[in-house]
């Protein structure tokens, strides 16, 4: 069962999609992916030290979500293009 998080008016599933199992222990990382349950928002990803997802409480999971970046071309910016999950200032 994937972890779940409520953020930005949407439910997100959190999963570890990749890790560096063959790397030296000091540099192992895993990639956390946040996917909206309704599928209307782009996935967000964040690289962390391996094994962190299992240790994270809800507060740490929410902080990781805030640091995660949406994947896709529009995140890096096309002039005049606004990201669909951008928050109002």
C-alpha atoms as a PDB file:
ATOM      1  CA  UNK A   1       0.000   0.000   0.000  1.00  0.00           C
ATOM      2  CA  UNK A   2       1.380   3.400  -0.945  1.00  0.00           C
ATOM      3  CA  UNK A   3       1.499   6.234   1.518  1.00  0.00           C
ATOM      4  CA  UNK A   4      -1.099   8.961   0.996  1.00  0.00           C
ATOM      5  CA  UNK A   5      -0.933  12.690   1.540  1.00  0.00           C
ATOM      6  CA  UNK A   6      -3.530  15.467   1.291  1.00  0.00           C
ATOM      7  CA  UNK A   7      -1.993  18.655  -0.147  1.00  0.00           C
ATOM      8  CA  UNK A   8      -3.080  21.507  -2.404  1.00  0.00           C
ATOM      9  CA  UNK A   9      -6.685  20.318  -2.363  1.00  0.00           C
ATOM     10  CA  UNK A  10      -5.818  16.892  -3.736  1.00  0.00           C
ATOM     11  CA  UNK A  11      -4.886  13.409  -2.510  1.00  0.00           C
ATOM     12  CA  UNK A  12      -1.374  12.275  -3.489  1.00  0.00           C
ATOM     13  CA  UNK A  13       0.083   8.749  -3.493  1.00  0.00           C
ATOM     14  CA  UNK A  14       3.727   8.575  -2.464  1.00  0.00           C
ATOM     15  CA  UNK A  15       6.037   5.817  -3.641  1.00  0.00           C
ATOM     16  CA  UNK A  16       9.717   5.098  -4.013  1.00  0.00           C
ATOM     17  CA  UNK A  17      10.339   4.524  -7.721  1.00  0.00           C
ATOM     18  CA  UNK A  18      14.114   4.006  -7.877  1.00  0.00           C
ATOM     19  CA  UNK A  19      17.093   3.510  -5.633  1.00  0.00           C
ATOM     20  CA  UNK A  20      20.845   3.080  -5.920  1.00  0.00           C
ATOM     21  CA  UNK A  21      21.097  -0.413  -4.454  1.00  0.00           C
ATOM     22  CA  UNK A  22      24.475  -1.012  -6.127  1.00  0.00           C
ATOM     23  CA  UNK A  23      26.026   2.280  -4.988  1.00  0.00           C
ATOM     24  CA  UNK A  24      28.204   2.608  -1.865  1.00  0.00           C
ATOM     25  CA  UNK A  25      26.087   2.965   1.253  1.00  0.00           C
ATOM     26  CA  UNK A  26      27.246   6.547   1.914  1.00  0.00           C
ATOM     27  CA  UNK A  27      25.777   7.818  -1.374  1.00  0.00           C
ATOM     28  CA  UNK A  28      22.629   5.705  -1.845  1.00  0.00           C
ATOM     29  CA  UNK A  29      19.540   7.637  -2.856  1.00  0.00           C
ATOM     30  CA  UNK A  30      15.955   6.887  -3.748  1.00  0.00           C
ATOM     31  CA  UNK A  31      13.488   8.904  -5.781  1.00  0.00           C
ATOM     32  CA  UNK A  32      10.133   9.656  -4.201  1.00  0.00           C
ATOM     33  CA  UNK A  33       7.272  10.210  -6.595  1.00  0.00           C
ATOM     34  CA  UNK A  34       4.065  11.989  -5.668  1.00  0.00           C
ATOM     35  CA  UNK A  35       1.139  11.147  -7.994  1.00  0.00           C
ATOM     36  CA  UNK A  36      -2.277  12.774  -7.694  1.00  0.00           C
ATOM     37  CA  UNK A  37      -5.038  10.243  -7.173  1.00  0.00           C
ATOM     38  CA  UNK A  38      -7.288  11.985  -9.712  1.00  0.00           C
ATOM     39  CA  UNK A  39      -4.530  12.097 -12.360  1.00  0.00           C
ATOM     40  CA  UNK A  40      -5.172  15.769 -13.180  1.00  0.00           C
ATOM     41  CA  UNK A  41      -1.837  17.072 -11.922  1.00  0.00           C
ATOM     42  CA  UNK A  42       1.674  16.213 -13.095  1.00  0.00           C
ATOM     43  CA  UNK A  43       3.711  13.869 -10.897  1.00  0.00           C
ATOM     44  CA  UNK A  44       6.328  15.425  -8.622  1.00  0.00           C
ATOM     45  CA  UNK A  45       9.690  13.835  -7.798  1.00  0.00           C
ATOM     46  CA  UNK A  46      12.393  14.297  -5.193  1.00  0.00           C
ATOM     47  CA  UNK A  47      15.694  12.485  -4.550  1.00  0.00           C
ATOM     48  CA  UNK A  48      16.453  11.610  -0.890  1.00  0.00           C
ATOM     49  CA  UNK A  49      18.803   9.326   0.999  1.00  0.00           C
ATOM     50  CA  UNK A  50      17.759   5.688   0.602  1.00  0.00           C
ATOM     51  CA  UNK A  51      15.354   4.354   3.240  1.00  0.00           C
ATOM     52  CA  UNK A  52      13.944   7.718   4.295  1.00  0.00           C
ATOM     53  CA  UNK A  53      10.362   7.099   3.143  1.00  0.00           C
ATOM     54  CA  UNK A  54       9.793   4.427   5.772  1.00  0.00           C
ATOM     55  CA  UNK A  55      11.020   6.769   8.527  1.00  0.00           C
ATOM     56  CA  UNK A  56       8.970   9.824   7.491  1.00  0.00           C
ATOM     57  CA  UNK A  57       6.012  10.990   9.550  1.00  0.00           C
ATOM     58  CA  UNK A  58       3.206  13.088   8.040  1.00  0.00           C
ATOM     59  CA  UNK A  59       5.011  16.375   8.720  1.00  0.00           C
ATOM     60  CA  UNK A  60       8.213  15.194   7.003  1.00  0.00           C
ATOM     61  CA  UNK A  61       6.212  13.785   4.104  1.00  0.00           C
ATOM     62  CA  UNK A  62       4.471  17.138   3.602  1.00  0.00           C
ATOM     63  CA  UNK A  63       7.844  18.940   3.687  1.00  0.00           C
ATOM     64  CA  UNK A  64       9.192  16.543   1.045  1.00  0.00           C
ATOM     65  CA  UNK A  65       6.127  17.204  -1.118  1.00  0.00           C
ATOM     66  CA  UNK A  66       6.789  20.959  -0.961  1.00  0.00           C
ATOM     67  CA  UNK A  67      10.387  20.412  -2.159  1.00  0.00           C
ATOM     68  CA  UNK A  68       9.413  17.966  -4.923  1.00  0.00           C
ATOM     69  CA  UNK A  69       9.308  19.408  -8.428  1.00  0.00           C
ATOM     70  CA  UNK A  70       6.702  18.642 -11.074  1.00  0.00           C
ATOM     71  CA  UNK A  71       8.138  16.614 -13.923  1.00  0.00           C
ATOM     72  CA  UNK A  72       7.596  17.707 -17.489  1.00  0.00           C
ATOM     73  CA  UNK A  73       8.713  20.407 -19.860  1.00  0.00           C
ATOM     74  CA  UNK A  74       6.603  23.249 -18.506  1.00  0.00           C
ATOM     75  CA  UNK A  75       8.390  23.253 -15.144  1.00  0.00           C
ATOM     76  CA  UNK A  76      11.514  24.566 -16.824  1.00  0.00           C
ATOM     77  CA  UNK A  77       9.523  27.348 -18.360  1.00  0.00           C
ATOM     78  CA  UNK A  78       8.023  28.297 -21.619  1.00  0.00           C
ATOM     79  CA  UNK A  79       7.352  32.040 -21.843  1.00  0.00           C
ATOM     80  CA  UNK A  80       3.782  32.828 -20.890  1.00  0.00           C
ATOM     81  CA  UNK A  81       3.002  29.245 -19.891  1.00  0.00           C
ATOM     82  CA  UNK A  82       1.654  28.873 -16.338  1.00  0.00           C
ATOM     83  CA  UNK A  83       1.951  25.538 -14.570  1.00  0.00           C
ATOM     84  CA  UNK A  84      -1.412  23.995 -13.759  1.00  0.00           C
ATOM     85  CA  UNK A  85      -0.552  23.386 -10.095  1.00  0.00           C
ATOM     86  CA  UNK A  86       1.069  26.787  -9.455  1.00  0.00           C
ATOM     87  CA  UNK A  87      -0.184  28.483  -6.324  1.00  0.00           C
ATOM     88  CA  UNK A  88      -1.469  32.019  -6.237  1.00  0.00           C
ATOM     89  CA  UNK A  89       0.833  34.430  -4.404  1.00  0.00           C
END
